[in-house]
Amino acid sequence: MNRTATARFTEPYLEPRQTHPDPLTPYEDKLAGSLMEIFGTGTHDLPGVVEGLNGLGLHGPDGRPWTEDTFRAEMRRLGR
């Protein structure tokens, strides 16, 4: 099996539903960058991610501070 085919089967993060068919919107790009910044600090738990987003001043889609519920709902919406 060639290297590409092997990587396809061993890489745990490459799932078809994780691809994004369209270019990111400015909102999605800012959210993705903010999440990468938060994860880069070693924070990986939901309360920490929500706190990190609010600490960066990035509001939820409704214009209010993030909550665990709004974060879950937004990830579900964006994952469709």
N, C-alpha and C. Protein backbone atom coordinates (compact mmCIF):
# COMPACT_ATOMS: atom_id res chain seq x y z
N MET A 1 0.85 -1.17 0.00
CA MET A 1 0.00 0.00 0.00
C MET A 1 0.89 1.23 0.00
N ASN A 2 0.54 2.22 -0.80
CA ASN A 2 1.38 3.42 -0.85
C ASN A 2 1.16 4.28 0.40
N ARG A 3 2.05 5.26 0.58
CA ARG A 3 2.03 6.11 1.78
C ARG A 3 0.70 6.86 1.93
N THR A 4 0.16 7.37 0.85
CA THR A 4 -1.10 8.12 0.92
C THR A 4 -2.24 7.22 1.37
N ALA A 5 -2.32 6.05 0.81
CA ALA A 5 -3.39 5.13 1.19
C ALA A 5 -3.24 4.71 2.65
N THR A 6 -2.01 4.48 3.09
CA THR A 6 -1.77 4.12 4.48
C THR A 6 -2.19 5.25 5.40
N ALA A 7 -1.84 6.47 5.07
CA ALA A 7 -2.20 7.62 5.90
C ALA A 7 -3.71 7.77 5.98
N ARG A 8 -4.37 7.47 4.90
CA ARG A 8 -5.83 7.60 4.89
C ARG A 8 -6.47 6.68 5.93
N PHE A 9 -5.90 5.50 6.12
CA PHE A 9 -6.49 4.55 7.05
C PHE A 9 -6.02 4.75 8.49
N THR A 10 -4.90 5.40 8.70
CA THR A 10 -4.39 5.55 10.06
C THR A 10 -4.65 6.92 10.65
N GLU A 11 -5.01 7.89 9.85
CA GLU A 11 -5.24 9.25 10.34
C GLU A 11 -6.61 9.32 11.00
N PRO A 12 -6.67 9.57 12.32
CA PRO A 12 -7.96 9.53 13.02
C PRO A 12 -8.86 10.74 12.76
N TYR A 13 -8.35 11.79 12.14
CA TYR A 13 -9.13 13.01 12.02
C TYR A 13 -9.69 13.26 10.62
N LEU A 14 -9.44 12.38 9.70
CA LEU A 14 -9.92 12.59 8.34
C LEU A 14 -11.22 11.82 8.12
N GLU A 15 -12.31 12.48 8.35
CA GLU A 15 -13.62 11.89 8.12
C GLU A 15 -14.34 12.74 7.08
N PRO A 16 -15.08 12.13 6.17
CA PRO A 16 -15.74 12.90 5.11
C PRO A 16 -16.59 14.05 5.63
N ARG A 17 -17.27 13.89 6.75
CA ARG A 17 -18.14 14.97 7.23
C ARG A 17 -17.35 16.12 7.84
N GLN A 18 -16.03 15.98 7.95
CA GLN A 18 -15.21 17.06 8.48
C GLN A 18 -14.74 18.01 7.39
N THR A 19 -14.99 17.70 6.17
CA THR A 19 -14.57 18.58 5.09
C THR A 19 -15.58 19.70 4.93
N HIS A 20 -15.14 20.82 4.42
CA HIS A 20 -16.01 21.98 4.25
C HIS A 20 -16.02 22.30 2.76
N PRO A 21 -17.16 22.09 2.09
CA PRO A 21 -17.20 22.23 0.64
C PRO A 21 -17.06 23.66 0.13
N ASP A 22 -17.41 24.64 0.94
CA ASP A 22 -17.38 26.04 0.52
C ASP A 22 -16.30 26.79 1.29
N PRO A 23 -15.86 27.92 0.77
CA PRO A 23 -14.91 28.73 1.53
C PRO A 23 -15.54 29.16 2.86
N LEU A 24 -14.70 29.30 3.87
CA LEU A 24 -15.20 29.74 5.18
C LEU A 24 -15.69 31.18 5.10
N THR A 25 -16.74 31.46 5.83
CA THR A 25 -17.20 32.84 5.96
C THR A 25 -16.25 33.56 6.91
N PRO A 26 -16.25 34.88 6.93
CA PRO A 26 -15.41 35.59 7.90
C PRO A 26 -15.69 35.16 9.34
N TYR A 27 -16.95 34.93 9.67
CA TYR A 27 -17.32 34.46 11.02
C TYR A 27 -16.70 33.09 11.29
N GLU A 28 -16.84 32.15 10.35
CA GLU A 28 -16.29 30.82 10.53
C GLU A 28 -14.78 30.86 10.64
N ASP A 29 -14.15 31.71 9.85
CA ASP A 29 -12.70 31.85 9.89
C ASP A 29 -12.24 32.39 11.25
N LYS A 30 -12.93 33.39 11.76
CA LYS A 30 -12.58 33.95 13.07
C LYS A 30 -12.82 32.93 14.18
N LEU A 31 -13.92 32.20 14.11
CA LEU A 31 -14.20 31.17 15.10
C LEU A 31 -13.14 30.08 15.06
N ALA A 32 -12.78 29.62 13.87
CA ALA A 32 -11.76 28.59 13.73
C ALA A 32 -10.42 29.06 14.29
N GLY A 33 -10.03 30.28 13.97
CA GLY A 33 -8.78 30.83 14.48
C GLY A 33 -8.80 30.95 15.99
N SER A 34 -9.92 31.37 16.53
CA SER A 34 -10.05 31.49 17.99
C SER A 34 -9.96 30.13 18.66
N LEU A 35 -10.61 29.13 18.07
CA LEU A 35 -10.53 27.78 18.64
C LEU A 35 -9.11 27.24 18.58
N MET A 36 -8.41 27.48 17.49
CA MET A 36 -7.02 27.03 17.40
C MET A 36 -6.17 27.71 18.46
N GLU A 37 -6.41 28.99 18.69
CA GLU A 37 -5.67 29.72 19.72
C GLU A 37 -5.95 29.12 21.10
N ILE A 38 -7.20 28.82 21.38
CA ILE A 38 -7.57 28.24 22.67
C ILE A 38 -6.98 26.85 22.83
N PHE A 39 -7.12 26.00 21.81
CA PHE A 39 -6.55 24.66 21.88
C PHE A 39 -5.03 24.71 22.03
N GLY A 40 -4.41 25.72 21.43
CA GLY A 40 -2.96 25.88 21.53
C GLY A 40 -2.48 26.16 22.94
N THR A 41 -3.36 26.62 23.81
CA THR A 41 -2.98 26.85 25.21
C THR A 41 -3.08 25.58 26.03
N GLY A 42 -3.56 24.50 25.41
CA GLY A 42 -3.74 23.25 26.13
C GLY A 42 -5.14 23.05 26.67
N THR A 43 -6.01 23.98 26.39
CA THR A 43 -7.41 23.87 26.83
C THR A 43 -8.17 23.01 25.84
N HIS A 44 -8.83 21.96 26.36
CA HIS A 44 -9.57 21.07 25.48
C HIS A 44 -10.95 20.70 26.04
N ASP A 45 -11.27 21.17 27.25
CA ASP A 45 -12.57 20.84 27.83
C ASP A 45 -13.58 21.92 27.45
N LEU A 46 -14.84 21.53 27.39
CA LEU A 46 -15.89 22.45 26.94
C LEU A 46 -15.98 23.72 27.78
N PRO A 47 -15.99 23.63 29.11
CA PRO A 47 -16.05 24.87 29.89
C PRO A 47 -14.86 25.79 29.60
N GLY A 48 -13.69 25.22 29.41
CA GLY A 48 -12.51 26.02 29.11
C GLY A 48 -12.58 26.67 27.73
N VAL A 49 -13.12 25.94 26.76
CA VAL A 49 -13.26 26.48 25.41
C VAL A 49 -14.24 27.65 25.42
N VAL A 50 -15.36 27.47 26.10
CA VAL A 50 -16.37 28.54 26.20
C VAL A 50 -15.77 29.76 26.89
N GLU A 51 -15.06 29.52 27.98
CA GLU A 51 -14.41 30.63 28.70
C GLU A 51 -13.38 31.32 27.80
N GLY A 52 -12.64 30.53 27.03
CA GLY A 52 -11.65 31.09 26.13
C GLY A 52 -12.27 31.95 25.04
N LEU A 53 -13.35 31.50 24.45
CA LEU A 53 -14.03 32.29 23.42
C LEU A 53 -14.53 33.61 23.99
N ASN A 54 -15.13 33.53 25.17
CA ASN A 54 -15.62 34.75 25.81
C ASN A 54 -14.46 35.66 26.20
N GLY A 55 -13.36 35.08 26.64
CA GLY A 55 -12.18 35.86 27.01
C GLY A 55 -11.54 36.57 25.83
N LEU A 56 -11.67 35.99 24.65
CA LEU A 56 -11.15 36.61 23.43
C LEU A 56 -12.10 37.67 22.88
N GLY A 57 -13.27 37.76 23.48
CA GLY A 57 -14.25 38.76 23.02
C GLY A 57 -15.04 38.33 21.80
N LEU A 58 -14.99 37.04 21.47
CA LEU A 58 -15.76 36.53 20.33
C LEU A 58 -17.13 36.11 20.83
N HIS A 59 -18.15 36.79 20.41
CA HIS A 59 -19.50 36.49 20.86
C HIS A 59 -20.09 35.34 20.08
N GLY A 60 -21.10 34.73 20.67
CA GLY A 60 -21.82 33.65 20.02
C GLY A 60 -22.61 34.17 18.84
N PRO A 61 -23.23 33.27 18.09
CA PRO A 61 -23.97 33.68 16.89
C PRO A 61 -25.15 34.60 17.18
N ASP A 62 -25.62 34.60 18.41
CA ASP A 62 -26.74 35.48 18.77
C ASP A 62 -26.25 36.83 19.32
N GLY A 63 -24.93 37.04 19.30
CA GLY A 63 -24.36 38.30 19.77
C GLY A 63 -24.11 38.36 21.26
N ARG A 64 -24.44 37.29 21.95
CA ARG A 64 -24.24 37.22 23.41
C ARG A 64 -23.02 36.37 23.73
N PRO A 65 -22.55 36.42 24.97
CA PRO A 65 -21.44 35.53 25.35
C PRO A 65 -21.82 34.06 25.14
N TRP A 66 -20.79 33.27 24.85
CA TRP A 66 -20.99 31.84 24.64
C TRP A 66 -21.41 31.16 25.93
N THR A 67 -22.22 30.12 25.79
CA THR A 67 -22.51 29.19 26.86
C THR A 67 -22.19 27.80 26.30
N GLU A 68 -22.15 26.81 27.16
CA GLU A 68 -21.91 25.46 26.66
C GLU A 68 -23.01 25.05 25.68
N ASP A 69 -24.24 25.42 25.98
CA ASP A 69 -25.35 25.06 25.09
C ASP A 69 -25.24 25.75 23.72
N THR A 70 -24.91 27.05 23.72
CA THR A 70 -24.81 27.73 22.42
C THR A 70 -23.62 27.21 21.62
N PHE A 71 -22.53 26.84 22.31
CA PHE A 71 -21.38 26.28 21.60
C PHE A 71 -21.75 24.94 20.97
N ARG A 72 -22.39 24.07 21.74
CA ARG A 72 -22.80 22.77 21.18
C ARG A 72 -23.72 22.96 19.97
N ALA A 73 -24.70 23.85 20.11
CA ALA A 73 -25.65 24.08 19.02
C ALA A 73 -24.95 24.62 17.78
N GLU A 74 -24.00 25.52 17.97
CA GLU A 74 -23.30 26.10 16.82
C GLU A 74 -22.39 25.07 16.14
N MET A 75 -21.72 24.22 16.92
CA MET A 75 -20.89 23.17 16.33
C MET A 75 -21.77 22.19 15.56
N ARG A 76 -22.93 21.89 16.10
CA ARG A 76 -23.86 21.00 15.40
C ARG A 76 -24.31 21.64 14.08
N ARG A 77 -24.66 22.92 14.13
CA ARG A 77 -25.11 23.63 12.92
C ARG A 77 -24.00 23.68 11.87
N LEU A 78 -22.79 24.02 12.30
CA LEU A 78 -21.68 24.14 11.35
C LEU A 78 -21.23 22.79 10.82
N GLY A 79 -21.50 21.73 11.56
CA GLY A 79 -21.09 20.39 11.15
C GLY A 79 -22.02 19.73 10.15
N ARG A 80 -23.08 20.40 9.80
CA ARG A 80 -24.03 19.80 8.84
C ARG A 80 -23.57 19.97 7.43
